[in-house]
N, C-alpha and C. Protein backbone atom coordinates (compact mmCIF):
# COMPACT_ATOMS: atom_id res chain seq x y z
N MET A 1 203.10 24.92 87.85
CA MET A 1 202.24 24.41 86.51
C MET A 1 203.48 25.16 85.18
N ARG A 2 203.14 24.28 84.24
CA ARG A 2 203.41 24.57 83.04
C ARG A 2 202.84 26.02 82.18
N PRO A 3 203.83 26.38 81.15
CA PRO A 3 202.86 27.19 80.31
C PRO A 3 201.76 27.22 79.74
N ALA A 4 201.82 25.86 79.08
CA ALA A 4 200.77 25.02 78.30
C ALA A 4 199.36 24.96 79.32
N ARG A 5 199.65 24.70 80.44
CA ARG A 5 198.49 24.84 81.26
C ARG A 5 198.18 25.91 81.75
N LEU A 6 198.48 26.65 82.22
CA LEU A 6 198.09 28.06 82.11
C LEU A 6 197.53 28.81 80.98
N ARG A 7 197.06 28.38 79.92
CA ARG A 7 196.72 29.00 78.93
C ARG A 7 195.19 29.02 78.81
N PRO A 8 194.59 27.86 79.27
CA PRO A 8 193.29 27.72 79.57
C PRO A 8 192.60 28.82 80.74
N HIS A 9 193.35 28.38 81.78
CA HIS A 9 192.90 29.64 82.83
C HIS A 9 193.32 30.79 82.36
N LEU A 10 194.02 31.44 82.07
CA LEU A 10 194.51 32.82 81.37
C LEU A 10 193.27 33.12 80.36
N ALA A 11 192.87 32.27 79.69
CA ALA A 11 191.91 32.79 78.69
C ALA A 11 190.68 32.97 79.48
N ALA A 12 190.38 32.07 80.42
CA ALA A 12 189.21 32.11 81.03
C ALA A 12 189.13 33.27 81.89
N LEU A 13 190.12 33.76 82.18
CA LEU A 13 190.02 35.31 83.17
C LEU A 13 189.98 36.71 82.00
N LEU A 14 190.57 36.51 81.19
CA LEU A 14 190.69 37.42 80.06
C LEU A 14 189.81 37.73 79.39
N LEU A 15 188.96 36.73 78.94
CA LEU A 15 187.86 36.76 78.04
C LEU A 15 186.48 37.40 78.50
N PRO A 16 186.03 37.47 80.18
CA PRO A 16 185.30 38.27 80.33
C PRO A 16 185.49 39.71 80.66
N LEU A 17 186.99 40.14 80.89
CA LEU A 17 187.41 41.53 80.96
C LEU A 17 187.50 41.75 79.86
N LEU A 18 187.52 41.54 78.52
CA LEU A 18 187.50 41.78 76.96
C LEU A 18 186.14 42.35 76.79
N ALA A 19 185.14 41.36 77.01
CA ALA A 19 183.78 41.24 76.63
C ALA A 19 183.34 41.89 77.63
N ALA A 20 183.72 42.52 78.33
CA ALA A 20 183.09 43.83 79.49
C ALA A 20 183.23 45.25 78.41
N GLY A 21 183.98 45.32 78.00
CA GLY A 21 184.18 46.54 76.93
C GLY A 21 183.23 46.75 75.77
N CYS A 22 182.72 45.55 75.53
CA CYS A 22 181.77 45.54 74.10
C CYS A 22 180.37 45.53 75.09
N ILE A 23 179.74 46.16 75.99
CA ILE A 23 178.58 45.74 76.24
C ILE A 23 178.11 47.07 75.88
N TYR A 24 176.76 47.27 75.32
CA TYR A 24 175.92 47.92 74.55
C TYR A 24 175.09 48.75 75.46
N ARG A 25 175.27 49.98 75.65
CA ARG A 25 174.57 50.51 76.58
C ARG A 25 173.32 51.81 75.86
N MET A 26 172.16 51.61 76.11
CA MET A 26 171.25 52.38 75.33
C MET A 26 171.01 53.56 75.97
N ASP A 27 170.35 54.52 75.09
CA ASP A 27 170.27 56.09 75.29
C ASP A 27 168.80 55.68 76.46
N ILE A 28 168.72 56.72 77.44
CA ILE A 28 167.27 56.88 78.06
C ILE A 28 167.18 57.89 78.23
N GLN A 29 165.82 58.29 77.68
CA GLN A 29 164.99 59.41 77.47
C GLN A 29 164.00 59.34 78.04
N GLN A 30 163.61 60.33 79.30
CA GLN A 30 162.26 60.42 80.04
C GLN A 30 161.93 61.74 80.13
N GLY A 31 160.64 62.02 79.64
CA GLY A 31 160.08 62.78 80.49
C GLY A 31 159.52 63.63 78.98
N ASN A 32 159.33 65.09 79.43
CA ASN A 32 159.07 65.90 78.16
C ASN A 32 160.11 66.60 77.43
N LEU A 33 159.75 66.45 76.46
CA LEU A 33 161.46 66.89 75.31
C LEU A 33 160.70 68.26 75.10
N LEU A 34 161.33 69.26 75.57
CA LEU A 34 160.84 70.71 74.97
C LEU A 34 161.97 71.32 74.62
N GLY A 35 161.19 72.32 73.30
CA GLY A 35 162.32 72.94 72.58
C GLY A 35 162.42 74.24 72.93
N ARG A 36 163.27 75.34 73.33
CA ARG A 36 163.27 76.64 73.33
C ARG A 36 162.22 77.68 72.70
N GLU A 37 161.79 76.99 71.60
CA GLU A 37 160.79 77.80 70.69
C GLU A 37 159.66 77.62 71.31
N GLN A 38 159.26 76.56 71.88
CA GLN A 38 158.10 75.91 72.64
C GLN A 38 157.77 77.06 74.17
N VAL A 39 159.14 76.70 74.85
CA VAL A 39 159.03 77.35 76.00
C VAL A 39 158.98 79.20 75.92
N ASP A 40 159.43 79.87 74.75
CA ASP A 40 159.37 81.24 74.63
C ASP A 40 158.17 81.45 74.31
N GLN A 41 157.16 80.56 73.73
CA GLN A 41 156.16 80.87 73.58
C GLN A 41 155.13 80.76 74.50
N LEU A 42 155.35 80.73 75.82
CA LEU A 42 154.45 80.41 76.91
C LEU A 42 154.41 81.78 77.68
N GLU A 43 153.26 82.19 78.03
CA GLU A 43 153.08 83.47 78.33
C GLU A 43 152.31 83.79 79.45
N VAL A 44 152.40 84.48 80.63
CA VAL A 44 151.55 84.94 81.72
C VAL A 44 150.24 85.20 81.10
N GLY A 45 149.50 84.59 81.59
CA GLY A 45 147.87 85.00 81.15
C GLY A 45 147.06 83.33 80.07
N MET A 46 148.13 82.69 79.91
CA MET A 46 147.84 81.53 79.39
C MET A 46 146.79 80.68 79.93
N THR A 47 145.81 79.89 79.30
CA THR A 47 144.96 79.28 79.89
C THR A 47 145.44 77.86 80.28
N ARG A 48 145.13 76.84 81.12
CA ARG A 48 145.83 75.22 80.87
C ARG A 48 145.69 74.66 79.66
N SER A 49 144.29 74.94 79.59
CA SER A 49 144.59 74.07 77.82
C SER A 49 145.24 74.79 76.91
N GLN A 50 145.55 75.79 77.00
CA GLN A 50 146.74 76.48 76.01
C GLN A 50 148.25 75.99 76.29
N VAL A 51 148.27 76.11 77.60
CA VAL A 51 149.30 75.64 78.00
C VAL A 51 149.72 74.05 77.47
N ARG A 52 148.76 73.08 77.87
CA ARG A 52 149.14 71.77 77.58
C ARG A 52 148.81 71.56 76.27
N PHE A 53 147.80 72.07 75.29
CA PHE A 53 148.10 72.30 73.46
C PHE A 53 149.87 72.60 73.23
N LEU A 54 150.63 73.69 73.71
CA LEU A 54 151.63 74.45 73.68
C LEU A 54 152.61 73.13 73.95
N LEU A 55 152.93 72.55 75.14
CA LEU A 55 153.90 71.86 75.56
C LEU A 55 153.54 70.54 75.88
N GLY A 56 152.34 69.93 76.13
CA GLY A 56 152.03 68.87 76.23
C GLY A 56 151.67 68.14 77.82
N THR A 57 150.89 67.05 78.16
CA THR A 57 150.92 67.11 79.48
C THR A 57 151.79 66.98 80.13
N PRO A 58 151.64 67.59 81.34
CA PRO A 58 152.86 67.73 82.39
C PRO A 58 153.10 66.31 82.94
N MET A 59 154.79 66.25 82.90
CA MET A 59 155.03 64.99 84.20
C MET A 59 154.71 64.77 85.45
N VAL A 60 154.30 65.92 85.86
CA VAL A 60 154.54 65.91 87.04
C VAL A 60 153.22 66.72 87.43
N VAL A 61 151.83 66.35 88.27
CA VAL A 61 150.81 67.01 88.55
C VAL A 61 150.91 67.10 90.07
N ASP A 62 151.48 68.08 90.94
CA ASP A 62 151.47 68.21 92.08
C ASP A 62 150.01 67.75 92.80
N VAL A 63 149.68 66.81 93.75
CA VAL A 63 148.09 66.81 94.30
C VAL A 63 148.30 67.60 95.31
N PHE A 64 149.48 67.80 96.05
CA PHE A 64 149.28 68.43 97.37
C PHE A 64 148.95 70.10 96.45
N ASP A 65 149.57 70.63 95.22
CA ASP A 65 149.59 71.78 94.69
C ASP A 65 149.09 71.95 93.14
N PRO A 66 147.45 71.90 93.06
CA PRO A 66 147.52 71.52 91.72
C PRO A 66 147.96 72.63 90.52
N ASP A 67 148.05 74.21 91.58
CA ASP A 67 148.58 74.87 90.53
C ASP A 67 149.64 75.22 90.31
N ARG A 68 150.44 74.26 89.94
CA ARG A 68 152.14 73.83 89.76
C ARG A 68 152.11 72.65 88.93
N TRP A 69 152.30 72.92 87.67
CA TRP A 69 152.94 71.79 86.58
C TRP A 69 154.40 71.54 86.57
N ASP A 70 154.90 70.24 86.88
CA ASP A 70 156.12 70.48 86.41
C ASP A 70 156.19 69.68 84.96
N TYR A 71 157.30 70.14 83.85
CA TYR A 71 157.60 69.53 82.90
C TYR A 71 158.99 69.06 83.28
N VAL A 72 159.34 67.89 83.30
CA VAL A 72 160.77 67.62 83.71
C VAL A 72 161.34 66.65 82.34
N TYR A 73 162.53 66.64 82.12
CA TYR A 73 162.94 65.90 80.93
C TYR A 73 164.53 65.58 81.45
N ARG A 74 164.67 64.39 81.33
CA ARG A 74 166.08 63.60 81.56
C ARG A 74 166.70 62.62 80.51
N PHE A 75 168.07 62.85 79.96
CA PHE A 75 168.49 62.08 78.77
C PHE A 75 169.77 61.66 79.40
N GLU A 76 169.80 60.18 79.55
CA GLU A 76 170.99 59.32 79.67
C GLU A 76 171.57 59.06 78.59
N ARG A 77 172.94 59.45 78.05
CA ARG A 77 173.50 58.63 77.16
C ARG A 77 174.42 57.49 77.13
N GLY A 78 174.13 56.48 76.50
CA GLY A 78 174.00 55.18 77.19
C GLY A 78 175.56 54.74 77.19
N LYS A 79 176.72 55.09 76.08
CA LYS A 79 177.94 55.33 76.18
C LYS A 79 178.72 56.20 76.98
N SER A 80 178.37 57.04 77.18
CA SER A 80 179.24 57.94 77.87
C SER A 80 178.39 58.24 79.22
N ARG A 81 176.97 57.54 79.37
CA ARG A 81 176.74 57.74 80.72
C ARG A 81 176.45 59.77 80.89
N LYS A 82 176.71 60.28 79.99
CA LYS A 82 176.30 61.67 80.56
C LYS A 82 175.11 61.98 80.32
N VAL A 83 174.69 62.90 81.64
CA VAL A 83 173.14 63.08 81.74
C VAL A 83 172.66 64.52 81.75
N THR A 84 171.28 64.82 81.02
CA THR A 84 171.14 66.11 80.36
C THR A 84 169.94 66.37 81.18
N ARG A 85 169.98 67.51 82.13
CA ARG A 85 168.54 67.65 82.88
C ARG A 85 168.19 68.58 81.89
N ARG A 86 166.55 68.76 82.12
CA ARG A 86 165.83 70.01 81.87
C ARG A 86 164.61 69.97 83.27
N HIS A 87 164.25 71.50 83.28
CA HIS A 87 162.92 71.12 84.24
C HIS A 87 162.35 72.42 84.59
N LEU A 88 161.13 72.56 83.92
CA LEU A 88 160.19 73.69 83.74
C LEU A 88 159.24 73.67 84.20
N ILE A 89 158.88 74.48 85.07
CA ILE A 89 157.75 75.11 86.50
C ILE A 89 156.82 75.77 85.93
N VAL A 90 155.38 75.67 86.18
CA VAL A 90 154.58 76.48 85.19
C VAL A 90 153.44 76.80 86.86
N TRP A 91 153.08 78.08 86.89
CA TRP A 91 152.74 78.40 88.05
C TRP A 91 151.06 78.84 87.98
N PHE A 92 149.89 78.29 88.17
CA PHE A 92 148.56 78.72 87.47
C PHE A 92 148.06 79.71 88.74
N ASP A 93 147.34 80.60 88.84
CA ASP A 93 146.11 81.11 89.56
C ASP A 93 144.50 80.65 88.74
N GLY A 94 144.34 79.62 89.21
CA GLY A 94 143.01 79.16 88.85
C GLY A 94 143.28 78.62 87.66
N ASP A 95 143.05 79.38 86.38
CA ASP A 95 143.12 78.57 84.98
C ASP A 95 143.98 79.49 84.47
N LYS A 96 145.03 80.61 84.62
CA LYS A 96 145.72 81.41 84.16
C LYS A 96 147.07 80.82 84.82
N VAL A 97 147.70 81.24 83.93
CA VAL A 97 149.52 80.93 84.33
C VAL A 97 149.91 82.33 84.78
N THR A 98 150.41 82.47 86.04
CA THR A 98 150.71 83.24 86.96
C THR A 98 152.76 83.96 86.87
N ARG A 99 153.09 82.64 86.52
CA ARG A 99 154.68 82.69 86.65
C ARG A 99 155.32 81.29 85.73
N VAL A 100 156.30 81.50 85.54
CA VAL A 100 157.08 80.34 85.05
C VAL A 100 158.60 80.11 85.48
N GLU A 101 159.28 79.31 85.64
CA GLU A 101 160.47 78.73 86.30
C GLU A 101 161.01 78.12 85.31
N GLU A 102 162.38 78.37 84.94
CA GLU A 102 163.12 77.34 84.45
C GLU A 102 164.32 76.57 85.66
N PRO A 103 164.58 75.86 86.33
CA PRO A 103 165.46 75.08 87.17
C PRO A 103 166.61 74.84 86.78
N ASP A 104 166.29 74.12 85.51
CA ASP A 104 167.57 73.45 84.76
C ASP A 104 166.92 73.94 83.18
N PRO A 105 167.28 75.29 82.44
CA PRO A 105 166.61 75.65 81.29
C PRO A 105 167.13 75.21 80.36
N VAL A 106 166.13 75.15 78.84
CA VAL A 106 166.59 74.63 77.56
C VAL A 106 167.65 75.90 77.03
N PRO A 107 168.76 75.49 76.43
CA PRO A 107 169.78 76.41 76.01
C PRO A 107 169.21 76.41 74.79
N ALA A 108 169.48 77.81 74.47
CA ALA A 108 168.84 78.92 73.27
C ALA A 108 169.85 78.08 71.96
N LYS A 109 170.64 77.27 71.36
CA LYS A 109 171.04 76.82 70.34
C LYS A 109 171.36 75.42 70.42
N GLU A 110 171.13 74.92 71.98
CA GLU A 110 171.41 73.30 71.77
C GLU A 110 169.78 72.88 71.79
N SER A 111 169.75 71.76 71.22
CA SER A 111 168.44 70.94 71.42
C SER A 111 168.54 70.11 72.81
N PRO A 112 167.25 69.75 73.33
CA PRO A 112 167.60 69.23 74.47
C PRO A 112 168.06 67.96 74.49
N ALA A 113 168.22 67.08 73.65
CA ALA A 113 168.62 65.61 73.16
C ALA A 113 169.75 65.29 73.03
N ALA A 114 170.59 66.70 72.60
CA ALA A 114 172.04 66.53 71.99
C ALA A 114 172.85 66.84 72.95
N GLY A 115 172.55 66.51 74.53
CA GLY A 115 173.77 66.92 75.82
C GLY A 115 174.42 65.70 75.51
């Protein structure tokens, strides 16, 4: 083949490769966005309604263990695909908070979405 005949084929092969770098990837945010201030206000002995007022409705309520509320947050930055996760578990005995666990804690100085 002559170089003039290769140009359309070469352009047809290179155009998709160049366009692939221009794909827009949006940020994906799911769950309960909690700040450190909110989590620090959570106290043992609070009622379920006080916790719901402070933190909002939990993302997951375990049907097999109604005394556990999970507040889950996930943020995926579109362009870099970096994922930030936060997880807070509130345990109840009846209507009162007995303990709070943070498997993936909210940092003190970083906002949860800044990840």
